[in-house]
């Protein structure tokens, strides 16, 4: 007899959303988290942006799950009294050469079924944001910012209310598949072995390492992981210049360093993209020069000395430098051949926005 119907590895936003969806479906669920708190990994170092779904290729998982996830996210935040602001986003062309890239995003948003997208002239954009320099812009009224940690706490509360369990300081140390499910090995101060019918790997930066600990999982299906470090700088001594999110056209491998004003009124810029070999969360003050150059293309009034190093995050990328961004990988029995197992790889942006939809997708995978 199984101890749990499903064990989820990873208590970040996506792992918790998977567990939430599974408990709603009536399954008994255990979430394993190696850290001493939920959301301590990738989920703790992001922009807390709610993406509308404009940027992602036609028929991709990112496009579908971002739109589905965003539509589900606002009602969830409202119901659970989690702070958010549907502030909107402007994707700006700061010179004529960038107009074509923004036009492509306008078309992609239409193909992806994103609501509330309209093209703005330079004058219309300045009426919305007087300090903005742009020759044209794309407005997305469904974009926003929210309290990601409050969201994860709400997910945990729902999991527990539905008789699920979130175990902290409980590292996943491997699993063996057998006919009726999995024997799962858990480390920590009190190591144990548990039985589960299903197993979900939603471990962010540790997803590949966890997959290698799965007996019988075909290693050829484990994508190579690349670490994309993103630095953030905050605005000091100057009032936040914009009420909306401000995004440049995307860069190879990422959406590009953008502007946001968080729920506490702090203006931040980032993340940029630096390919690194190991997890390192230090912010190099020397990178500010690149930020000043970029920011002044859309905010020429940025004063000297106004940017301060803030924080950095690491994105679990599965594409190489200078390649287009990869799609999410949700690898289930149809792909790898192991019944009851779902592995999530490359869940970076828009993973946070997509998380509720990813959870529902995992439920569908287990249902066949």
Protein backbone atom coordinates (compact mmCIF):
# COMPACT_ATOMS: atom_id res chain seq x y z
CA UNK A 1 0.00 0.00 0.00
CA UNK A 2 1.32 3.48 -0.86
CA UNK A 3 2.00 6.09 1.81
CA UNK A 4 0.85 8.76 -0.65
CA UNK A 5 -0.82 8.82 -4.01
CA UNK A 6 1.74 11.38 -5.25
CA UNK A 7 5.04 12.80 -4.04
CA UNK A 8 6.12 16.15 -5.46
CA UNK A 9 9.81 17.08 -5.29
CA UNK A 10 10.28 20.83 -4.86
CA UNK A 11 8.29 23.43 -2.87
CA UNK A 12 8.76 26.40 -5.16
CA UNK A 13 5.83 28.06 -6.89
CA UNK A 14 5.54 25.34 -9.55
CA UNK A 15 5.90 22.38 -7.17
CA UNK A 16 3.35 23.87 -4.79
CA UNK A 17 0.97 24.61 -7.67
CA UNK A 18 1.28 20.99 -8.81
CA UNK A 19 0.52 19.76 -5.30
CA UNK A 20 -2.43 22.17 -5.05
CA UNK A 21 -3.92 20.87 -8.30
CA UNK A 22 -3.37 17.26 -7.23
CA UNK A 23 -5.01 17.72 -3.82
CA UNK A 24 -7.96 19.46 -5.51
CA UNK A 25 -8.28 16.33 -7.66
CA UNK A 26 -8.59 14.25 -4.48
CA UNK A 27 -5.10 12.79 -4.37
CA UNK A 28 -3.06 12.40 -1.18
CA UNK A 29 0.12 14.43 -1.70
CA UNK A 30 3.47 14.91 -0.01
CA UNK A 31 5.77 17.76 -1.09
CA UNK A 32 9.49 17.27 -0.39
CA UNK A 33 11.64 20.38 0.02
CA UNK A 34 15.35 20.23 0.85
CA UNK A 35 15.46 23.80 2.22
CA UNK A 36 14.04 24.96 5.55
CA UNK A 37 11.29 27.04 3.92
CA UNK A 38 9.11 27.01 0.85
CA UNK A 39 10.10 29.00 -2.22
CA UNK A 40 13.77 29.25 -1.26
CA UNK A 41 15.15 28.57 -4.74
CA UNK A 42 14.32 30.08 -8.14
CA UNK A 43 10.97 31.29 -6.81
CA UNK A 44 12.64 33.59 -4.27
CA UNK A 45 14.66 35.56 -6.82
CA UNK A 46 12.40 36.63 -9.66
CA UNK A 47 10.65 39.79 -10.82
CA UNK A 48 7.20 38.89 -9.42
CA UNK A 49 5.76 39.87 -12.79
CA UNK A 50 2.47 38.51 -14.10
CA UNK A 51 3.04 37.99 -17.83
CA UNK A 52 0.16 38.29 -20.27
CA UNK A 53 1.55 35.69 -22.73
CA UNK A 54 2.78 37.88 -25.60
CA UNK A 55 6.38 36.76 -25.94
CA UNK A 56 6.07 33.03 -26.53
CA UNK A 57 6.05 31.04 -29.80
CA UNK A 58 2.85 29.77 -31.39
CA UNK A 59 1.64 26.41 -30.02
CA UNK A 60 4.38 26.32 -27.37
CA UNK A 61 3.69 25.19 -23.82
CA UNK A 62 4.90 28.59 -22.66
CA UNK A 63 2.31 30.39 -24.77
CA UNK A 64 -0.61 28.19 -23.74
CA UNK A 65 0.26 27.76 -20.08
CA UNK A 66 1.17 31.41 -19.58
CA UNK A 67 -2.22 32.57 -20.86
CA UNK A 68 -4.10 29.87 -18.95
CA UNK A 69 -2.03 30.46 -15.82
CA UNK A 70 -2.45 34.23 -15.89
CA UNK A 71 -6.21 33.90 -16.30
CA UNK A 72 -6.31 31.61 -13.26
CA UNK A 73 -3.82 33.59 -11.20
CA UNK A 74 -5.69 36.87 -10.75
CA UNK A 75 -8.82 35.18 -9.31
CA UNK A 76 -6.64 33.02 -7.02
CA UNK A 77 -4.82 36.08 -5.68
CA UNK A 78 -8.11 37.89 -5.17
CA UNK A 79 -9.73 34.97 -3.37
CA UNK A 80 -6.73 34.45 -1.08
CA UNK A 81 -6.12 38.16 -0.35
CA UNK A 82 -2.63 38.04 -1.88
CA UNK A 83 -1.40 41.51 -2.87
CA UNK A 84 -1.17 42.28 -6.58
CA UNK A 85 -1.46 45.16 -9.01
CA UNK A 86 -2.67 44.82 -12.58
CA UNK A 87 -0.48 47.77 -13.59
CA UNK A 88 -0.07 46.95 -17.29
CA UNK A 89 3.05 46.77 -19.42
CA UNK A 90 4.55 48.78 -22.26
CA UNK A 91 6.95 47.04 -24.63
CA UNK A 92 8.80 49.93 -26.22
CA UNK A 93 10.65 50.63 -29.43
CA UNK A 94 13.17 53.35 -28.58
CA UNK A 95 14.32 53.84 -32.17
CA UNK A 96 12.88 53.04 -35.62
CA UNK A 97 15.03 49.92 -35.96
CA UNK A 98 13.20 48.30 -33.01
CA UNK A 99 9.69 48.84 -34.37
CA UNK A 100 9.68 45.59 -36.38
CA UNK A 101 10.54 43.53 -33.27
CA UNK A 102 7.69 45.11 -31.30
CA UNK A 103 5.30 44.61 -34.23
CA UNK A 104 6.20 40.91 -34.23
CA UNK A 105 5.27 40.75 -30.55
CA UNK A 106 1.93 42.42 -31.31
CA UNK A 107 1.18 39.72 -33.87
CA UNK A 108 2.36 36.97 -31.50
CA UNK A 109 0.10 38.26 -28.76
CA UNK A 110 -2.86 38.11 -31.16
CA UNK A 111 -1.97 34.55 -32.20
CA UNK A 112 -1.63 33.51 -28.56
CA UNK A 113 -5.06 34.89 -27.72
CA UNK A 114 -3.83 37.54 -25.31
CA UNK A 115 -6.50 40.06 -24.34
CA UNK A 116 -6.01 43.78 -23.85
CA UNK A 117 -3.13 44.40 -26.30
CA UNK A 118 -2.98 47.57 -28.40
CA UNK A 119 -0.45 49.46 -30.48
CA UNK A 120 0.54 52.95 -29.29
CA UNK A 121 2.14 55.85 -31.10
CA UNK A 122 4.94 57.77 -29.41
CA UNK A 123 2.46 60.45 -28.36
CA UNK A 124 -0.01 57.93 -26.92
CA UNK A 125 2.77 56.22 -24.97
CA UNK A 126 3.96 59.54 -23.51
CA UNK A 127 0.43 60.40 -22.43
CA UNK A 128 0.45 57.22 -20.35
CA UNK A 129 4.04 57.61 -19.10
CA UNK A 130 5.28 61.22 -19.50
CA UNK A 131 8.95 60.37 -18.75
CA UNK A 132 9.08 57.59 -21.33
CA UNK A 133 11.10 57.89 -24.54
CA UNK A 134 9.66 55.67 -27.27
CA UNK A 135 8.93 55.97 -30.96
CA UNK A 136 6.15 53.36 -30.58
CA UNK A 137 4.97 50.91 -27.93
CA UNK A 138 2.81 47.88 -27.37
CA UNK A 139 0.48 48.08 -24.37
CA UNK A 140 -0.59 44.98 -22.43
CA UNK A 141 -3.22 45.83 -19.83
CA UNK A 142 -3.34 42.29 -18.38
CA UNK A 143 0.28 42.35 -17.14
CA UNK A 144 1.01 43.06 -13.49
CA UNK A 145 3.07 42.44 -10.36
CA UNK A 146 2.23 40.45 -7.24
CA UNK A 147 3.50 39.10 -3.93
CA UNK A 148 5.08 35.81 -4.98
CA UNK A 149 5.84 34.71 -1.41
CA UNK A 150 2.28 35.46 -0.33
CA UNK A 151 1.10 33.41 -3.29
CA UNK A 152 3.25 30.44 -2.30
CA UNK A 153 2.04 30.68 1.29
CA UNK A 154 -1.54 30.60 0.01
CA UNK A 155 -0.78 27.51 -2.08
CA UNK A 156 0.75 25.79 0.95
CA UNK A 157 -2.34 26.67 2.99
CA UNK A 158 -4.60 25.10 0.35
CA UNK A 159 -2.45 21.96 0.19
CA UNK A 160 -2.61 21.50 3.97
CA UNK A 161 -6.34 22.28 4.03
CA UNK A 162 -6.81 19.49 1.48
CA UNK A 163 -4.90 17.05 3.74
CA UNK A 164 -1.62 17.34 1.84
CA UNK A 165 1.76 17.53 3.57
CA UNK A 166 4.69 19.90 2.91
CA UNK A 167 7.89 18.49 4.42
CA UNK A 168 10.84 20.88 4.84
CA UNK A 169 14.49 19.87 5.36
CA UNK A 170 13.57 16.73 3.43
CA UNK A 171 15.92 16.27 0.46
CA UNK A 172 15.01 13.84 -2.29
CA UNK A 173 17.73 11.17 -2.53
CA UNK A 174 16.37 8.96 -5.26
CA UNK A 175 13.52 6.69 -6.27
CA UNK A 176 13.07 3.16 -7.56
CA UNK A 177 10.17 2.34 -9.84
CA UNK A 178 8.17 -0.82 -9.26
CA UNK A 179 4.93 -2.18 -10.68
CA UNK A 180 2.53 -0.13 -8.54
CA UNK A 181 4.60 3.04 -8.17
CA UNK A 182 7.81 4.26 -6.56
CA UNK A 183 9.96 3.70 -3.53
CA UNK A 184 11.19 7.21 -2.66
CA UNK A 185 14.26 7.81 -0.53
CA UNK A 186 14.24 10.91 1.65
CA UNK A 187 17.30 12.28 3.47
CA UNK A 188 17.68 14.83 6.20
CA UNK A 189 17.91 14.47 9.98
CA UNK A 190 15.46 11.57 9.92
CA UNK A 191 15.98 9.63 6.66
CA UNK A 192 13.07 7.49 5.52
CA UNK A 193 11.71 5.49 2.63
CA UNK A 194 8.18 6.09 1.36
CA UNK A 195 5.89 4.52 -1.21
CA UNK A 196 3.95 6.54 -3.76
CA UNK A 197 1.92 5.70 -6.85
CA UNK A 198 3.12 8.81 -8.69
CA UNK A 199 6.18 11.04 -8.58
CA UNK A 200 6.54 14.63 -9.82
CA UNK A 201 9.97 16.25 -10.21
CA UNK A 202 9.47 20.03 -9.96
CA UNK A 203 12.83 20.89 -8.49
CA UNK A 204 13.89 23.94 -10.51
CA UNK A 205 17.67 24.17 -10.61
CA UNK A 206 17.89 20.64 -9.15
CA UNK A 207 15.55 19.00 -11.67
CA UNK A 208 18.32 17.37 -13.72
CA UNK A 209 20.14 16.15 -10.61
CA UNK A 210 16.92 14.64 -9.26
CA UNK A 211 16.18 12.94 -12.59
CA UNK A 212 19.58 11.27 -12.47
CA UNK A 213 18.58 9.71 -9.14
CA UNK A 214 15.56 7.99 -10.70
CA UNK A 215 16.21 4.32 -11.29
CA UNK A 216 15.13 3.43 -14.82
CA UNK A 217 14.76 6.97 -16.13
CA UNK A 218 16.42 7.25 -19.57
CA UNK A 219 19.34 9.64 -19.07
CA UNK A 220 19.24 10.65 -22.73
CA UNK A 221 15.99 12.49 -21.95
CA UNK A 222 17.61 14.70 -19.32
CA UNK A 223 18.33 18.03 -21.03
CA UNK A 224 21.65 19.77 -20.42
CA UNK A 225 21.19 22.57 -17.94
CA UNK A 226 22.68 26.04 -18.44
CA UNK A 227 22.65 28.67 -15.71
CA UNK A 228 21.41 32.11 -16.72
CA UNK A 229 22.24 34.63 -14.01
CA UNK A 230 20.20 37.80 -13.84
CA UNK A 231 21.22 40.91 -11.90
CA UNK A 232 18.83 43.51 -10.52
CA UNK A 233 19.54 47.14 -9.62
CA UNK A 234 17.20 49.33 -7.58
CA UNK A 235 16.57 53.05 -7.97
CA UNK A 236 17.84 55.17 -5.08
CA UNK A 237 17.02 58.77 -4.17
CA UNK A 238 14.62 59.25 -7.09
CA UNK A 239 10.89 58.69 -7.29
CA UNK A 240 9.71 55.77 -9.41
CA UNK A 241 9.39 57.24 -12.94
CA UNK A 242 6.71 54.91 -14.35
CA UNK A 243 3.54 53.28 -13.06
CA UNK A 244 3.60 50.49 -15.65
CA UNK A 245 6.11 47.78 -16.41
CA UNK A 246 8.50 48.94 -19.14
CA UNK A 247 10.10 46.29 -21.35
CA UNK A 248 12.55 46.62 -24.25
CA UNK A 249 12.34 44.21 -27.19
CA UNK A 250 13.61 40.76 -26.14
CA UNK A 251 17.26 39.75 -26.40
CA UNK A 252 18.59 36.31 -27.46
CA UNK A 253 17.73 33.87 -24.68
CA UNK A 254 15.70 36.24 -22.46
CA UNK A 255 13.10 39.01 -22.40
CA UNK A 256 15.69 41.66 -21.53
CA UNK A 257 16.25 43.85 -18.48
CA UNK A 258 13.05 45.72 -17.72
CA UNK A 259 11.60 48.26 -15.29
CA UNK A 260 9.10 47.49 -12.58
CA UNK A 261 7.80 49.25 -9.49
CA UNK A 262 7.05 46.63 -6.85
CA UNK A 263 4.13 46.63 -4.44
CA UNK A 264 6.22 48.52 -1.87
CA UNK A 265 6.96 51.34 -4.31
CA UNK A 266 10.58 50.34 -4.98
CA UNK A 267 11.66 50.78 -8.61
CA UNK A 268 13.90 48.02 -9.95
CA UNK A 269 15.59 47.18 -13.22
CA UNK A 270 16.59 43.73 -14.41
CA UNK A 271 17.30 40.98 -14.94
CA UNK A 272 20.09 41.04 -17.48
CA UNK A 273 21.58 37.74 -18.66
CA UNK A 274 25.00 36.38 -17.77
CA UNK A 275 25.85 32.75 -18.48
CA UNK A 276 27.61 31.25 -15.46
CA UNK A 277 29.03 27.87 -14.48
CA UNK A 278 27.81 27.73 -10.87
CA UNK A 279 25.23 29.25 -8.57
CA UNK A 280 26.56 32.63 -7.48
CA UNK A 281 24.17 35.30 -6.24
CA UNK A 282 26.58 38.20 -5.80
CA UNK A 283 25.73 41.38 -7.72
CA UNK A 284 28.71 42.96 -9.46
CA UNK A 285 28.39 46.76 -9.12
CA UNK A 286 30.40 47.08 -12.33
CA UNK A 287 27.43 45.82 -14.33
CA UNK A 288 25.65 49.10 -13.55
CA UNK A 289 27.30 50.70 -16.60
CA UNK A 290 25.34 48.37 -18.89
CA UNK A 291 22.14 49.14 -17.01
CA UNK A 292 22.60 52.91 -17.31
CA UNK A 293 23.11 52.56 -21.05
CA UNK A 294 20.01 50.40 -21.54
CA UNK A 295 17.69 52.31 -19.20
CA UNK A 296 18.54 55.67 -20.73
CA UNK A 297 17.27 54.46 -24.09
CA UNK A 298 13.73 54.59 -22.64
CA UNK A 299 14.30 56.88 -19.62
CA UNK A 300 16.86 59.52 -20.62
CA UNK A 301 16.41 61.36 -17.30
CA UNK A 302 17.98 58.59 -15.20
CA UNK A 303 20.46 60.46 -12.95
CA UNK A 304 24.07 59.38 -12.48
CA UNK A 305 24.57 57.41 -9.28
CA UNK A 306 20.90 56.46 -8.93
CA UNK A 307 21.33 52.69 -9.40
CA UNK A 308 22.27 50.46 -6.48
CA UNK A 309 23.08 46.72 -6.63
CA UNK A 310 20.04 44.83 -5.38
CA UNK A 311 19.90 41.05 -5.87
CA UNK A 312 20.52 38.30 -8.42
CA UNK A 313 18.74 35.14 -9.52
CA UNK A 314 19.66 32.04 -11.49
CA UNK A 315 17.38 30.71 -14.24
CA UNK A 316 17.40 26.96 -15.10
CA UNK A 317 17.86 27.30 -18.85
CA UNK A 318 17.96 24.36 -21.25
CA UNK A 319 19.23 26.28 -24.27
CA UNK A 320 22.74 27.42 -25.06
CA UNK A 321 23.97 31.02 -25.17
CA UNK A 322 22.77 32.95 -28.26
CA UNK A 323 20.05 30.37 -28.95
CA UNK A 324 16.34 31.19 -28.78
CA UNK A 325 14.65 30.41 -25.50
CA UNK A 326 13.57 26.79 -25.16
CA UNK A 327 10.05 25.72 -24.35
CA UNK A 328 9.06 24.14 -21.05
CA UNK A 329 9.61 20.38 -20.92
CA UNK A 330 6.88 18.41 -19.14
CA UNK A 331 8.08 14.84 -19.67
CA UNK A 332 5.53 12.15 -18.81
CA UNK A 333 5.03 8.44 -19.46
CA UNK A 334 4.26 9.02 -23.13
CA UNK A 335 7.82 10.34 -23.56
CA UNK A 336 10.04 8.49 -21.09
CA UNK A 337 8.01 5.30 -20.58
CA UNK A 338 7.92 5.31 -16.77
CA UNK A 339 4.33 5.09 -15.52
CA UNK A 340 3.29 7.67 -12.93
CA UNK A 341 6.34 9.90 -13.38
CA UNK A 342 6.32 13.51 -14.57
CA UNK A 343 9.56 15.51 -14.81
CA UNK A 344 9.60 19.28 -15.33
CA UNK A 345 12.70 20.79 -16.93
CA UNK A 346 13.58 24.35 -17.92
CA UNK A 347 10.75 25.95 -15.94
CA UNK A 348 11.98 29.52 -16.03
CA UNK A 349 9.98 32.62 -17.00
CA UNK A 350 6.99 32.58 -17.39
CA UNK A 351 6.92 29.67 -14.95
CA UNK A 352 5.64 31.76 -12.05
CA UNK A 353 2.71 33.14 -14.07
CA UNK A 354 2.08 29.70 -15.58
CA UNK A 355 2.29 27.76 -12.32
CA UNK A 356 -1.42 27.09 -11.74
CA UNK A 357 -1.79 25.94 -15.35
CA UNK A 358 1.33 23.78 -15.07
CA UNK A 359 -0.24 22.11 -12.05
CA UNK A 360 -3.39 21.33 -14.02
CA UNK A 361 -1.25 20.05 -16.90
CA UNK A 362 0.49 17.62 -14.53
CA UNK A 363 -2.90 16.34 -13.34
CA UNK A 364 -3.84 15.73 -16.99
CA UNK A 365 -0.54 13.91 -17.59
CA UNK A 366 -1.21 11.52 -14.70
CA UNK A 367 -4.75 10.95 -15.94
CA UNK A 368 -3.31 9.78 -19.27
